[in-house]
Amino acid sequence: MKRDYYEILSVSRSATEVEIKKAYRKKAIQYHPDKNPGDEEAVEKFKEAAEAYEVLSDADKKARYDQFGHDAFQGAGGFNGGGHMNMDDIFSQFGDIFGDIFGGGGGGFGGFSQGNHQARTARVKGSDLRIKIKVNVSDIINGGEKKIKIKRKVKAEGTSYETCSQCHGTGRVSRVANTIFGRMQTTGACSACGGAGQVLKKRGSGSDSNGMIIKEDIVSINLPKGVRNGVQLRVGGKGNEAPTANGVPGDLIVQVLEVSDVQFKREANNLHHDLYITIPEAALGTKKVIETPHGKIKLNLESGIQSGKILRLRHKGVPDIDGYAYGDLLVNVNVWVPKNLNDEQRKFFQENIEHSNFKPNPGKSERSFFEKINDMFS
């Protein structure tokens, strides 16, 4: 089971952006591979801290994590698609946080730090791709795999890149400026390659100025049970590819749009269903079978059932995305009064209009409209 991201960084849920960054820097330095050579446990904790920081440092991801926990990224590769980035990805994205401690920008590991007298090659991530998908009540209750077709940018066949001559593949250049405090050195993204470390050498057929083409792809999304309208799922590595030879693809961000259902109306984790019965069925009692996302459900309606009666079917609603509980299915009974009567039917009602059995006589067991509304939300 995944550990809580706040626990990993040893911060509270109310921690500020500065406090989160400071906590990650501390953990990164503590478990940095250069400080713990050959210690696999330290490497895993280093990756774990990077995963936590990748989510908590992003306002959008942090909000979704605070609301849904790890389920916000379940099946969609919560962290770059696989639960862990590789070491290159971590140093590429967060190396500036602790790079000055380990070799001035490399971050170190496997020959990447300047302590090993080698310059780290820049590793660029492609842009994220955002789409929306529609889901119905059945999708929400059952969850599972959903396949969708997307269009994303990939490198064209025949496209090639070469190392940037200005930054020598690092993607960053140092500049020295004279100030009133003396000579100061600053480091920034290379203007020649935009920080990619590589420039286009040859464009493939039909590609754009970066050597990319649009390609259709089929992507599988693991839809969590109980997903809500507006929730965003992340599929790692299924966004646009980076326009470099050694870049990593961006992510696919899928926003869930809940489609309204004619038969079942959702209210939080509860479902509402209107069941219509005839006057004879209400008077004599009847048996009904309703089709629900959980399957067929048999109902026994007692004789004399009143219009407006609410039948609560426990645990037949929507599962809670944050846990294992299910909401309820509330069946609202409606007695259908015919608008047109034949002579025989009209005579029957005229003969019984004053009969005591047809006079309204609600007892204590008959709830008022407002009591029923209160019961629905209790």
Protein backbone atom coordinates (compact mmCIF):
# COMPACT_ATOMS: atom_id res chain seq x y z
CA MET A 1 0.00 0.00 0.00
CA LYS A 2 1.30 3.45 -0.93
CA ARG A 3 2.38 5.69 1.92
CA ASP A 4 0.74 9.06 2.47
CA TYR A 5 2.60 11.76 0.54
CA TYR A 6 2.52 14.18 3.49
CA GLU A 7 3.94 11.46 5.73
CA ILE A 8 6.74 10.77 3.24
CA LEU A 9 7.87 14.42 3.31
CA SER A 10 7.11 14.79 7.04
CA VAL A 11 4.86 17.81 6.55
CA SER A 12 1.30 18.61 7.62
CA ARG A 13 -1.61 18.87 5.21
CA SER A 14 -1.64 22.62 5.78
CA ALA A 15 2.02 22.99 4.75
CA THR A 16 2.82 25.86 2.39
CA GLU A 17 4.53 25.52 -0.99
CA VAL A 18 7.78 26.77 0.54
CA GLU A 19 7.57 24.28 3.42
CA ILE A 20 6.90 21.39 1.02
CA LYS A 21 9.87 22.34 -1.15
CA LYS A 22 12.11 22.69 1.90
CA ALA A 23 10.98 19.28 3.20
CA TYR A 24 11.63 17.62 -0.16
CA ARG A 25 15.09 19.19 -0.39
CA LYS A 26 15.90 17.77 3.05
CA LYS A 27 14.72 14.27 2.07
CA ALA A 28 16.48 14.44 -1.30
CA ILE A 29 19.78 15.32 0.34
CA GLN A 30 19.30 12.63 3.01
CA TYR A 31 18.62 9.82 0.53
CA HIS A 32 20.59 11.09 -2.47
CA PRO A 33 22.33 8.16 -4.22
CA ASP A 34 25.68 9.99 -4.17
CA LYS A 35 25.50 10.04 -0.37
CA ASN A 36 24.32 6.44 -0.14
CA PRO A 37 26.28 4.43 -2.73
CA GLY A 38 24.98 0.89 -3.14
CA ASP A 39 22.04 1.45 -0.76
CA GLU A 40 18.93 0.31 -2.64
CA GLU A 41 16.63 1.28 0.23
CA ALA A 42 17.91 4.85 0.05
CA VAL A 43 17.32 4.89 -3.72
CA GLU A 44 13.70 3.80 -3.22
CA LYS A 45 13.14 6.45 -0.55
CA PHE A 46 14.74 9.02 -2.85
CA LYS A 47 12.26 8.06 -5.60
CA GLU A 48 9.39 7.97 -3.10
CA ALA A 49 10.17 11.51 -1.95
CA ALA A 50 10.33 12.71 -5.56
CA GLU A 51 6.93 11.11 -6.24
CA ALA A 52 5.40 12.86 -3.24
CA TYR A 53 6.93 16.20 -4.22
CA GLU A 54 5.81 15.85 -7.85
CA VAL A 55 2.19 15.73 -6.63
CA LEU A 56 2.25 18.12 -3.65
CA SER A 57 4.22 20.82 -5.49
CA ASP A 58 1.57 21.00 -8.22
CA ALA A 59 -1.56 22.89 -7.08
CA ASP A 60 -3.90 20.90 -9.33
CA LYS A 61 -2.50 17.48 -8.41
CA LYS A 62 -2.37 18.42 -4.72
CA ALA A 63 -6.04 19.43 -4.74
CA ARG A 64 -7.04 16.13 -6.33
CA TYR A 65 -4.85 14.15 -3.92
CA ASP A 66 -6.34 16.00 -0.92
CA GLN A 67 -9.84 15.11 -2.15
CA PHE A 68 -9.42 11.57 -3.44
CA GLY A 69 -6.07 10.35 -2.09
CA HIS A 70 -4.09 7.90 -4.24
CA ASP A 71 -7.32 6.95 -6.05
CA ALA A 72 -7.11 10.29 -7.89
CA PHE A 73 -4.31 8.75 -9.96
CA GLN A 74 -5.31 5.08 -9.70
CA GLY A 75 -4.85 3.14 -12.90
CA ALA A 76 -3.75 6.28 -14.64
CA GLY A 77 -0.18 6.15 -13.43
CA GLY A 78 -0.30 8.52 -10.48
CA PHE A 79 3.34 9.47 -10.93
CA ASN A 80 4.50 9.71 -14.50
CA GLY A 81 2.44 6.64 -15.31
CA GLY A 82 4.13 4.04 -13.18
CA GLY A 83 4.30 5.06 -9.55
CA HIS A 84 8.02 5.97 -9.86
CA MET A 85 10.09 8.10 -12.18
CA ASN A 86 13.45 6.79 -13.19
CA MET A 87 16.47 8.63 -11.87
CA ASP A 88 16.98 10.65 -15.03
CA ASP A 89 13.44 12.01 -14.84
CA ILE A 90 13.90 13.06 -11.22
CA PHE A 91 17.13 14.90 -11.87
CA SER A 92 15.70 16.48 -15.00
CA GLN A 93 12.66 17.91 -13.21
CA PHE A 94 13.92 18.55 -9.69
CA GLY A 95 17.70 18.67 -10.01
CA ASP A 96 17.76 22.43 -9.41
CA ILE A 97 16.42 21.88 -5.88
CA PHE A 98 19.47 19.98 -4.65
CA GLY A 99 21.89 20.22 -7.55
CA ASP A 100 24.07 22.84 -5.86
CA ILE A 101 24.74 20.37 -3.06
CA PHE A 102 25.79 17.62 -5.47
CA GLY A 103 27.93 19.02 -8.21
CA GLY A 104 26.21 22.28 -9.14
CA GLY A 105 23.26 21.16 -11.19
CA GLY A 106 23.66 17.53 -12.12
CA GLY A 107 21.97 16.01 -9.13
CA GLY A 108 24.22 12.99 -9.45
CA PHE A 109 23.64 9.27 -9.99
CA GLY A 110 25.11 6.83 -12.39
CA GLY A 111 27.77 9.22 -13.72
CA PHE A 112 25.52 12.26 -13.99
CA SER A 113 27.05 14.44 -11.30
CA GLN A 114 29.87 16.83 -11.96
CA GLY A 115 31.65 15.10 -9.14
CA ASN A 116 32.29 12.39 -11.74
CA HIS A 117 33.54 15.09 -14.17
CA GLN A 118 30.71 14.48 -16.62
CA ALA A 119 28.05 16.95 -17.69
CA ARG A 120 24.49 15.76 -17.35
CA THR A 121 22.65 15.46 -20.64
CA ALA A 122 19.37 17.36 -20.63
CA ARG A 123 16.23 15.26 -20.65
CA VAL A 124 13.11 17.03 -21.82
CA LYS A 125 9.54 15.97 -21.14
CA GLY A 126 6.91 16.35 -23.87
CA SER A 127 3.79 18.44 -23.33
CA ASP A 128 0.73 17.01 -21.59
CA LEU A 129 -2.35 16.17 -23.63
CA ARG A 130 -5.81 16.95 -22.22
CA ILE A 131 -9.05 15.26 -23.26
CA LYS A 132 -12.55 14.73 -21.86
CA ILE A 133 -14.49 11.46 -21.69
CA LYS A 134 -18.17 10.87 -20.98
CA VAL A 135 -19.22 8.19 -18.49
CA ASN A 136 -22.66 6.90 -17.52
CA VAL A 137 -24.02 5.56 -14.23
CA SER A 138 -22.99 2.00 -15.11
CA ASP A 139 -19.40 3.11 -15.81
CA ILE A 140 -19.29 4.96 -12.49
CA ILE A 141 -20.60 2.03 -10.44
CA ASN A 142 -18.62 -0.74 -12.10
CA GLY A 143 -15.42 1.11 -13.03
CA GLY A 144 -12.94 -0.90 -15.05
CA GLU A 145 -10.98 -0.47 -18.25
CA LYS A 146 -12.11 2.01 -20.86
CA LYS A 147 -10.40 2.32 -24.25
CA ILE A 148 -10.29 5.69 -25.98
CA LYS A 149 -8.81 6.98 -29.22
CA ILE A 150 -6.47 9.98 -29.04
CA LYS A 151 -4.29 12.01 -31.37
CA ARG A 152 -0.84 12.95 -30.12
CA LYS A 153 2.47 14.25 -31.43
CA VAL A 154 5.23 11.71 -32.05
CA LYS A 155 8.59 11.90 -33.79
CA ALA A 156 8.30 11.25 -37.51
CA GLU A 157 10.18 8.34 -39.03
CA GLY A 158 13.49 9.62 -40.38
CA THR A 159 13.69 12.54 -37.95
CA SER A 160 17.04 12.88 -36.21
CA TYR A 161 18.60 15.26 -33.72
CA GLU A 162 22.13 16.28 -32.80
CA THR A 163 23.77 17.67 -29.69
CA CYS A 164 23.44 21.43 -29.27
CA SER A 165 26.82 23.04 -29.93
CA GLN A 166 26.17 25.91 -27.55
CA CYS A 167 25.35 23.99 -24.36
CA HIS A 168 26.98 20.68 -25.40
CA GLY A 169 23.81 18.74 -24.62
CA THR A 170 23.24 19.96 -21.07
CA GLY A 171 20.39 22.30 -22.01
CA ARG A 172 21.83 24.99 -19.71
CA VAL A 173 24.48 27.63 -20.08
CA SER A 174 26.38 29.66 -17.48
CA ARG A 175 26.85 33.38 -17.72
CA VAL A 176 29.19 35.60 -15.74
CA ALA A 177 28.19 39.18 -15.00
CA ASN A 178 30.05 41.99 -13.26
CA THR A 179 28.00 43.51 -10.44
CA ILE A 180 28.68 45.90 -7.57
CA PHE A 181 29.19 42.78 -5.47
CA GLY A 182 31.77 41.37 -7.85
CA ARG A 183 31.60 38.76 -10.59
CA MET A 184 28.48 36.58 -10.32
CA GLN A 185 27.70 33.42 -12.25
CA THR A 186 24.16 32.50 -13.21
CA THR A 187 22.84 29.43 -14.99
CA GLY A 188 19.81 29.36 -17.29
CA ALA A 189 18.20 27.47 -20.16
CA CYS A 190 20.14 27.43 -23.40
CA SER A 191 18.57 29.84 -25.90
CA ALA A 192 19.77 27.84 -28.91
CA CYS A 193 17.92 24.60 -28.04
CA GLY A 194 15.38 25.91 -25.54
CA GLY A 195 16.85 23.74 -22.79
CA ALA A 196 16.43 20.50 -24.75
CA GLY A 197 20.16 19.90 -25.20
CA GLN A 198 19.54 18.88 -28.81
CA VAL A 199 18.59 20.57 -32.06
CA LEU A 200 16.87 19.20 -35.14
CA LYS A 201 19.30 17.66 -37.61
CA LYS A 202 16.93 16.11 -40.15
CA ARG A 203 13.14 16.34 -40.53
CA GLY A 204 11.19 13.20 -41.35
CA SER A 205 8.70 13.17 -44.21
CA GLY A 206 5.53 15.16 -43.49
CA SER A 207 6.77 16.43 -40.12
CA ASP A 208 6.51 19.92 -38.64
CA SER A 209 9.38 22.27 -37.79
CA ASN A 210 10.29 20.09 -34.80
CA GLY A 211 10.24 16.81 -36.75
CA MET A 212 6.88 15.75 -35.26
CA ILE A 213 3.71 14.30 -36.78
CA ILE A 214 0.18 13.67 -35.45
CA LYS A 215 -0.59 10.01 -34.79
CA GLU A 216 -3.74 8.21 -33.66
CA ASP A 217 -3.37 5.91 -30.68
CA ILE A 218 -5.63 3.69 -28.54
CA VAL A 219 -5.17 4.21 -24.81
CA SER A 220 -6.59 2.13 -21.95
CA ILE A 221 -7.84 4.00 -18.90
CA ASN A 222 -8.59 2.33 -15.60
CA LEU A 223 -11.74 4.08 -14.40
CA PRO A 224 -11.97 3.95 -10.58
CA LYS A 225 -15.32 2.96 -9.09
CA GLY A 226 -17.32 5.90 -7.81
CA VAL A 227 -15.52 8.46 -9.98
CA ARG A 228 -17.12 11.89 -9.85
CA ASN A 229 -17.87 14.49 -12.46
CA GLY A 230 -14.84 16.72 -13.08
CA VAL A 231 -12.23 14.30 -11.70
CA GLN A 232 -9.01 14.24 -13.71
CA LEU A 233 -7.16 10.98 -14.34
CA ARG A 234 -3.53 10.93 -15.44
CA VAL A 235 -2.07 8.35 -17.82
CA GLY A 236 1.70 8.57 -17.72
CA GLY A 237 3.69 8.67 -20.94
CA LYS A 238 0.67 8.96 -23.26
CA GLY A 239 0.94 12.67 -23.96
CA ASN A 240 2.95 14.32 -26.71
CA GLU A 241 6.50 13.07 -27.27
CA ALA A 242 9.39 15.44 -26.67
CA PRO A 243 11.11 16.80 -29.80
CA THR A 244 14.47 15.28 -28.82
CA ALA A 245 16.13 11.90 -29.19
CA ASN A 246 16.29 11.14 -25.47
CA GLY A 247 13.19 12.95 -24.20
CA VAL A 248 10.25 11.39 -22.37
CA PRO A 249 6.61 11.73 -23.43
CA GLY A 250 4.22 13.97 -21.54
CA ASP A 251 1.14 12.64 -19.77
CA LEU A 252 -2.44 12.23 -20.90
CA ILE A 253 -4.84 14.06 -18.58
CA VAL A 254 -8.39 12.76 -18.82
CA GLN A 255 -11.26 14.80 -17.39
CA VAL A 256 -14.37 12.81 -16.49
CA LEU A 257 -17.75 14.16 -17.58
CA GLU A 258 -20.77 12.43 -16.04
CA VAL A 259 -23.69 11.98 -18.46
CA SER A 260 -27.14 12.33 -16.89
CA ASP A 261 -29.26 9.15 -16.87
CA VAL A 262 -32.99 9.05 -17.63
CA GLN A 263 -33.72 6.27 -15.14
CA PHE A 264 -31.30 7.05 -12.32
CA LYS A 265 -30.46 10.46 -10.88
CA ARG A 266 -27.29 10.71 -8.83
CA GLU A 267 -27.15 12.64 -5.58
CA ALA A 268 -23.68 12.22 -4.00
CA ASN A 269 -23.38 8.42 -3.65
CA ASN A 270 -27.15 7.81 -3.67
CA LEU A 271 -29.28 7.06 -6.73
CA HIS A 272 -32.91 8.07 -7.23
CA HIS A 273 -35.34 6.13 -9.40
CA ASP A 274 -39.00 6.92 -10.16
CA LEU A 275 -41.24 3.85 -10.22
CA TYR A 276 -44.73 4.33 -11.68
CA ILE A 277 -47.58 1.96 -10.78
CA THR A 278 -51.30 1.91 -11.56
CA ILE A 279 -54.16 2.61 -9.12
CA PRO A 280 -55.16 -1.10 -9.04
CA GLU A 281 -51.54 -2.09 -8.34
CA ALA A 282 -51.37 0.44 -5.51
CA ALA A 283 -54.67 -0.77 -4.05
CA LEU A 284 -54.04 -4.50 -4.38
CA GLY A 285 -50.27 -4.62 -4.04
CA THR A 286 -47.94 -5.93 -6.70
CA LYS A 287 -44.47 -7.23 -7.53
CA LYS A 288 -42.09 -5.25 -9.70
CA VAL A 289 -38.67 -5.92 -11.20
CA ILE A 290 -36.43 -2.97 -11.97
CA GLU A 291 -33.23 -3.00 -14.01
CA THR A 292 -30.38 -1.27 -12.17
CA PRO A 293 -26.63 -0.93 -12.79
CA HIS A 294 -26.27 -3.61 -10.09
CA GLY A 295 -28.59 -5.98 -11.98
CA LYS A 296 -32.28 -6.86 -11.66
CA ILE A 297 -33.93 -6.12 -8.30
CA LYS A 298 -37.33 -7.52 -7.24
CA LEU A 299 -39.67 -5.29 -5.24
CA ASN A 300 -42.76 -6.40 -3.26
CA LEU A 301 -45.18 -3.50 -2.97
CA GLU A 302 -47.77 -3.95 -0.24
CA SER A 303 -51.45 -3.26 -0.83
CA GLY A 304 -52.48 0.31 -0.14
CA ILE A 305 -49.07 1.74 -0.91
CA GLN A 306 -49.23 5.52 -1.27
CA SER A 307 -47.86 7.72 -4.01
CA GLY A 308 -44.69 9.38 -2.77
CA LYS A 309 -43.57 6.35 -0.78
CA ILE A 310 -39.78 6.06 -0.81
CA LEU A 311 -38.19 2.61 -0.71
CA ARG A 312 -34.56 2.65 0.38
CA LEU A 313 -32.44 -0.18 -0.99
CA ARG A 314 -29.27 -0.27 1.05
CA HIS A 315 -25.87 -0.40 -0.70
CA LYS A 316 -27.40 -0.35 -4.20
CA GLY A 317 -26.10 3.10 -5.05
CA VAL A 318 -22.69 4.42 -6.10
CA PRO A 319 -19.47 3.20 -4.45
CA ASP A 320 -17.43 5.74 -2.53
CA ILE A 321 -14.27 6.61 -4.47
CA ASP A 322 -12.46 7.20 -1.16
CA GLY A 323 -13.42 3.90 0.45
CA TYR A 324 -15.41 0.69 0.16
CA ALA A 325 -18.90 1.85 1.20
CA TYR A 326 -21.81 2.12 -1.24
CA GLY A 327 -24.63 4.64 -1.29
CA ASP A 328 -28.30 3.64 -1.43
CA LEU A 329 -30.88 3.36 -4.20
CA LEU A 330 -34.01 5.37 -3.35
CA VAL A 331 -37.07 4.19 -5.27
CA ASN A 332 -39.76 6.87 -5.39
CA VAL A 333 -43.20 5.25 -5.86
CA ASN A 334 -45.60 7.23 -8.02
CA VAL A 335 -49.23 6.14 -8.47
CA TRP A 336 -50.29 6.97 -12.02
CA VAL A 337 -53.75 8.50 -12.27
CA PRO A 338 -55.35 7.94 -15.71
CA LYS A 339 -56.42 11.05 -17.60
CA ASN A 340 -59.09 9.29 -19.65
CA LEU A 341 -61.70 6.87 -18.30
CA ASN A 342 -64.31 4.80 -20.12
CA ASP A 343 -67.92 4.75 -18.92
CA GLU A 344 -67.50 1.64 -16.82
CA GLN A 345 -64.41 2.98 -15.05
CA ARG A 346 -66.02 6.38 -14.49
CA LYS A 347 -69.10 4.71 -12.99
CA PHE A 348 -66.93 2.67 -10.61
CA PHE A 349 -65.23 5.74 -9.19
CA GLN A 350 -68.48 7.73 -9.00
CA GLU A 351 -70.09 4.94 -7.01
CA ASN A 352 -67.17 4.84 -4.56
CA ILE A 353 -66.34 8.51 -4.30
CA GLU A 354 -68.01 8.77 -0.89
CA HIS A 355 -66.98 5.33 0.33
CA SER A 356 -64.95 5.44 3.56
CA ASN A 357 -62.19 3.28 2.10
CA PHE A 358 -61.50 5.97 -0.48
CA LYS A 359 -61.36 8.84 2.04
CA PRO A 360 -57.84 10.09 2.84
CA ASN A 361 -57.00 8.98 6.35
CA PRO A 362 -53.25 9.26 6.94
CA GLY A 363 -52.09 7.62 10.13
CA LYS A 364 -48.94 8.08 12.11
CA SER A 365 -47.17 5.65 9.82
CA GLU A 366 -47.83 7.93 6.84
CA ARG A 367 -45.02 10.46 6.58
CA SER A 368 -45.59 13.99 5.32
CA PHE A 369 -43.80 15.31 2.24
CA PHE A 370 -41.20 17.17 4.31
CA GLU A 371 -40.58 14.14 6.50
CA LYS A 372 -39.94 12.07 3.39
CA ILE A 373 -37.50 14.66 2.06
CA ASN A 374 -35.70 14.64 5.41
CA ASP A 375 -35.58 10.82 5.32
CA MET A 376 -34.05 10.87 1.83
CA PHE A 377 -31.04 12.83 3.05
CA SER A 378 -30.63 11.11 6.40
